Amino acid sequence: MAGRAKLADAVVACGMPHFGRGDLALARHEIAAAQQHFAGLRRYGAATLDLAWVACGRLDAYWERNLAPWDLAAGALLVREAGGFVSDCDGKGDILKSGDVVAGNDFMHRELLRLLQDAAREAGRAEIREASAP
């Protein structure tokens, strides 16, 4: 598990929804928020690999939405066994039910959750603005 406690030094991985699946607007807001705060943002395409890399310290944190339980179970176990934290994007524990995951050390997990929740609020505000525009 990486021990970084400074967002500006962190390398974080994420997933991106496919066109037509998932909330593309929310993903854009989340990615924009992450890019402003982290040293690097990566997309590898395999949730289990991303979680394993968080567990062994190659990545500082990871998040993704709309995954299947088999994409999450083994990797989440690795992160937890390495002393890391795993939750859904709302900070709740049932990732296998929600399909959403946020993982990292205590600091990175907490800060990434905060960024994602801020991005979700901004995405909601943007949606309201678009809906009320003439």
C-alpha atoms as a PDB file:
ATOM      1  CA  MET A   1       0.000   0.000   0.000  1.00  0.00           C
ATOM      2  CA  ALA A   2       1.400   3.391  -0.982  1.00  0.00           C
ATOM      3  CA  GLY A   3       1.872   5.759   1.916  1.00  0.00           C
ATOM      4  CA  ARG A   4       1.486   9.067   0.087  1.00  0.00           C
ATOM      5  CA  ALA A   5      -0.500  11.692   1.933  1.00  0.00           C
ATOM      6  CA  LYS A   6      -0.266  14.493  -0.608  1.00  0.00           C
ATOM      7  CA  LEU A   7      -2.729  14.633  -3.497  1.00  0.00           C
ATOM      8  CA  ALA A   8      -0.318  16.470  -5.779  1.00  0.00           C
ATOM      9  CA  ASP A   9       2.093  13.486  -5.654  1.00  0.00           C
ATOM     10  CA  ALA A  10      -0.524  10.764  -6.185  1.00  0.00           C
ATOM     11  CA  VAL A  11      -1.048   8.587  -9.247  1.00  0.00           C
ATOM     12  CA  VAL A  12      -4.645   7.428  -9.481  1.00  0.00           C
ATOM     13  CA  ALA A  13      -6.445   5.035 -11.820  1.00  0.00           C
ATOM     14  CA  CYS A  14     -10.058   5.244 -12.906  1.00  0.00           C
ATOM     15  CA  GLY A  15     -12.555   3.587 -15.161  1.00  0.00           C
ATOM     16  CA  MET A  16     -14.509   5.318 -17.887  1.00  0.00           C
ATOM     17  CA  PRO A  17     -17.999   4.345 -18.975  1.00  0.00           C
ATOM     18  CA  HIS A  18     -18.597   3.162 -22.501  1.00  0.00           C
ATOM     19  CA  PHE A  19     -20.771   5.377 -24.678  1.00  0.00           C
ATOM     20  CA  GLY A  20     -24.377   4.427 -24.004  1.00  0.00           C
ATOM     21  CA  ARG A  21     -23.546   2.748 -20.670  1.00  0.00           C
ATOM     22  CA  GLY A  22     -23.088   4.683 -17.483  1.00  0.00           C
ATOM     23  CA  ASP A  23     -23.285   8.374 -16.712  1.00  0.00           C
ATOM     24  CA  LEU A  24     -20.901  10.074 -19.141  1.00  0.00           C
ATOM     25  CA  ALA A  25     -21.543  13.573 -17.767  1.00  0.00           C
ATOM     26  CA  LEU A  26     -20.744  12.454 -14.227  1.00  0.00           C
ATOM     27  CA  ALA A  27     -17.599  10.679 -15.447  1.00  0.00           C
ATOM     28  CA  ARG A  28     -16.415  13.874 -17.180  1.00  0.00           C
ATOM     29  CA  HIS A  29     -16.889  15.872 -13.969  1.00  0.00           C
ATOM     30  CA  GLU A  30     -15.104  13.239 -11.882  1.00  0.00           C
ATOM     31  CA  ILE A  31     -12.158  13.015 -14.269  1.00  0.00           C
ATOM     32  CA  ALA A  32     -11.828  16.802 -14.471  1.00  0.00           C
ATOM     33  CA  ALA A  33     -11.818  17.038 -10.669  1.00  0.00           C
ATOM     34  CA  ALA A  34      -9.202  14.293 -10.369  1.00  0.00           C
ATOM     35  CA  GLN A  35      -6.929  15.776 -13.032  1.00  0.00           C
ATOM     36  CA  GLN A  36      -6.813  19.070 -11.141  1.00  0.00           C
ATOM     37  CA  HIS A  37      -5.602  17.468  -7.923  1.00  0.00           C
ATOM     38  CA  PHE A  38      -3.449  14.428  -8.723  1.00  0.00           C
ATOM     39  CA  ALA A  39      -0.030  14.076 -10.305  1.00  0.00           C
ATOM     40  CA  GLY A  40      -1.331  11.526 -12.794  1.00  0.00           C
ATOM     41  CA  LEU A  41      -4.526   9.836 -13.866  1.00  0.00           C
ATOM     42  CA  ARG A  42      -4.380   6.410 -15.529  1.00  0.00           C
ATOM     43  CA  ARG A  43      -6.829   4.075 -17.249  1.00  0.00           C
ATOM     44  CA  TYR A  44      -5.721   0.460 -17.489  1.00  0.00           C
ATOM     45  CA  GLY A  45      -9.031  -1.246 -18.191  1.00  0.00           C
ATOM     46  CA  ALA A  46      -9.014  -4.068 -15.636  1.00  0.00           C
ATOM     47  CA  ALA A  47     -10.523  -3.367 -12.217  1.00  0.00           C
ATOM     48  CA  THR A  48      -8.813  -6.305 -10.545  1.00  0.00           C
ATOM     49  CA  LEU A  49      -5.415  -5.152 -11.829  1.00  0.00           C
ATOM     50  CA  ASP A  50      -6.056  -1.574 -10.694  1.00  0.00           C
ATOM     51  CA  LEU A  51      -7.047  -2.766  -7.223  1.00  0.00           C
ATOM     52  CA  ALA A  52      -4.037  -5.102  -7.028  1.00  0.00           C
ATOM     53  CA  TRP A  53      -1.787  -2.185  -7.949  1.00  0.00           C
ATOM     54  CA  VAL A  54      -3.334  -0.078  -5.185  1.00  0.00           C
ATOM     55  CA  ALA A  55      -2.702  -2.945  -2.761  1.00  0.00           C
ATOM     56  CA  CYS A  56       0.971  -3.238  -3.693  1.00  0.00           C
ATOM     57  CA  GLY A  57       1.581   0.525  -3.868  1.00  0.00           C
ATOM     58  CA  ARG A  58       2.016   1.017  -7.630  1.00  0.00           C
ATOM     59  CA  LEU A  59      -1.094   3.220  -7.582  1.00  0.00           C
ATOM     60  CA  ASP A  60      -2.208   5.517  -4.791  1.00  0.00           C
ATOM     61  CA  ALA A  61      -5.942   5.192  -5.382  1.00  0.00           C
ATOM     62  CA  TYR A  62      -8.575   3.935  -7.812  1.00  0.00           C
ATOM     63  CA  TRP A  63     -12.251   4.474  -8.573  1.00  0.00           C
ATOM     64  CA  GLU A  64     -14.766   3.145 -11.043  1.00  0.00           C
ATOM     65  CA  ARG A  65     -18.533   2.799 -11.357  1.00  0.00           C
ATOM     66  CA  ASN A  66     -20.894   0.137 -12.694  1.00  0.00           C
ATOM     67  CA  LEU A  67     -18.720  -2.946 -12.275  1.00  0.00           C
ATOM     68  CA  ALA A  68     -19.781  -6.548 -11.819  1.00  0.00           C
ATOM     69  CA  PRO A  69     -19.049  -8.310  -8.510  1.00  0.00           C
ATOM     70  CA  TRP A  70     -16.458 -10.567 -10.174  1.00  0.00           C
ATOM     71  CA  ASP A  71     -14.551  -7.444 -11.244  1.00  0.00           C
ATOM     72  CA  LEU A  72     -14.280  -6.290  -7.638  1.00  0.00           C
ATOM     73  CA  ALA A  73     -14.182  -9.158  -5.161  1.00  0.00           C
ATOM     74  CA  ALA A  74     -10.562 -10.353  -5.395  1.00  0.00           C
ATOM     75  CA  GLY A  75      -9.044  -6.892  -5.829  1.00  0.00           C
ATOM     76  CA  ALA A  76     -10.994  -5.419  -2.920  1.00  0.00           C
ATOM     77  CA  LEU A  77      -9.769  -8.256  -0.722  1.00  0.00           C
ATOM     78  CA  LEU A  78      -6.169  -7.513  -1.727  1.00  0.00           C
ATOM     79  CA  VAL A  79      -6.546  -3.823  -0.850  1.00  0.00           C
ATOM     80  CA  ARG A  80      -8.130  -4.582   2.518  1.00  0.00           C
ATOM     81  CA  GLU A  81      -5.497  -7.202   3.369  1.00  0.00           C
ATOM     82  CA  ALA A  82      -2.776  -4.659   2.518  1.00  0.00           C
ATOM     83  CA  GLY A  83      -4.302  -2.245   5.035  1.00  0.00           C
ATOM     84  CA  GLY A  84      -6.201  -0.097   2.550  1.00  0.00           C
ATOM     85  CA  PHE A  85      -9.747   1.158   2.454  1.00  0.00           C
ATOM     86  CA  VAL A  86     -12.450   0.165  -0.030  1.00  0.00           C
ATOM     87  CA  SER A  87     -15.968   1.559  -0.341  1.00  0.00           C
ATOM     88  CA  ASP A  88     -18.500   2.554  -2.944  1.00  0.00           C
ATOM     89  CA  CYS A  89     -18.555   6.128  -4.243  1.00  0.00           C
ATOM     90  CA  ASP A  90     -20.880   7.153  -1.404  1.00  0.00           C
ATOM     91  CA  GLY A  91     -18.468   5.856   1.231  1.00  0.00           C
ATOM     92  CA  LYS A  92     -20.591   2.798   1.989  1.00  0.00           C
ATOM     93  CA  GLY A  93     -19.209  -0.710   2.173  1.00  0.00           C
ATOM     94  CA  ASP A  94     -21.281  -2.910  -0.132  1.00  0.00           C
ATOM     95  CA  ILE A  95     -19.316  -2.538  -3.366  1.00  0.00           C
ATOM     96  CA  LEU A  96     -20.478  -5.897  -4.686  1.00  0.00           C
ATOM     97  CA  LYS A  97     -24.078  -4.678  -4.588  1.00  0.00           C
ATOM     98  CA  SER A  98     -23.492  -1.114  -5.820  1.00  0.00           C
ATOM     99  CA  GLY A  99     -20.861  -1.940  -8.432  1.00  0.00           C
ATOM    100  CA  ASP A 100     -18.961   1.244  -7.568  1.00  0.00           C
ATOM    101  CA  VAL A 101     -15.535   1.286  -5.923  1.00  0.00           C
ATOM    102  CA  VAL A 102     -13.110   3.751  -4.367  1.00  0.00           C
ATOM    103  CA  ALA A 103      -9.865   2.367  -2.945  1.00  0.00           C
ATOM    104  CA  GLY A 104      -6.663   3.700  -1.421  1.00  0.00           C
ATOM    105  CA  ASN A 105      -4.875   4.306   1.844  1.00  0.00           C
ATOM    106  CA  ASP A 106      -6.835   6.123   4.556  1.00  0.00           C
ATOM    107  CA  PHE A 107      -5.940   9.616   3.312  1.00  0.00           C
ATOM    108  CA  MET A 108      -6.278   8.944  -0.422  1.00  0.00           C
ATOM    109  CA  HIS A 109      -9.552   7.060   0.024  1.00  0.00           C
ATOM    110  CA  ARG A 110     -11.053   9.887   2.066  1.00  0.00           C
ATOM    111  CA  GLU A 111      -9.856  12.636  -0.275  1.00  0.00           C
ATOM    112  CA  LEU A 112     -10.888  10.787  -3.439  1.00  0.00           C
ATOM    113  CA  LEU A 113     -14.365  10.256  -1.951  1.00  0.00           C
ATOM    114  CA  ARG A 114     -14.571  13.977  -1.224  1.00  0.00           C
ATOM    115  CA  LEU A 115     -13.534  14.876  -4.784  1.00  0.00           C
ATOM    116  CA  LEU A 116     -16.008  12.419  -6.310  1.00  0.00           C
ATOM    117  CA  GLN A 117     -18.874  13.655  -4.161  1.00  0.00           C
ATOM    118  CA  ASP A 118     -18.059  17.274  -5.064  1.00  0.00           C
ATOM    119  CA  ALA A 119     -17.942  16.292  -8.748  1.00  0.00           C
ATOM    120  CA  ALA A 120     -21.329  14.546  -8.449  1.00  0.00           C
ATOM    121  CA  ARG A 121     -22.865  17.693  -6.947  1.00  0.00           C
ATOM    122  CA  GLU A 122     -21.377  19.793  -9.753  1.00  0.00           C
ATOM    123  CA  ALA A 123     -22.674  17.354 -12.375  1.00  0.00           C
ATOM    124  CA  GLY A 124     -26.138  17.643 -10.821  1.00  0.00           C
ATOM    125  CA  ARG A 125     -25.987  21.432 -10.908  1.00  0.00           C
ATOM    126  CA  ALA A 126     -24.847  21.368 -14.533  1.00  0.00           C
ATOM    127  CA  GLU A 127     -27.726  19.072 -15.433  1.00  0.00           C
ATOM    128  CA  ILE A 128     -30.201  21.460 -13.806  1.00  0.00           C
ATOM    129  CA  ARG A 129     -28.682  24.431 -15.670  1.00  0.00           C
ATOM    130  CA  GLU A 130     -28.927  22.580 -18.993  1.00  0.00           C
ATOM    131  CA  ALA A 131     -32.515  21.531 -18.332  1.00  0.00           C
ATOM    132  CA  SER A 132     -33.585  25.092 -17.500  1.00  0.00           C
ATOM    133  CA  ALA A 133     -31.774  26.718 -20.436  1.00  0.00           C
ATOM    134  CA  PRO A 134     -34.028  28.062 -23.204  1.00  0.00           C
END
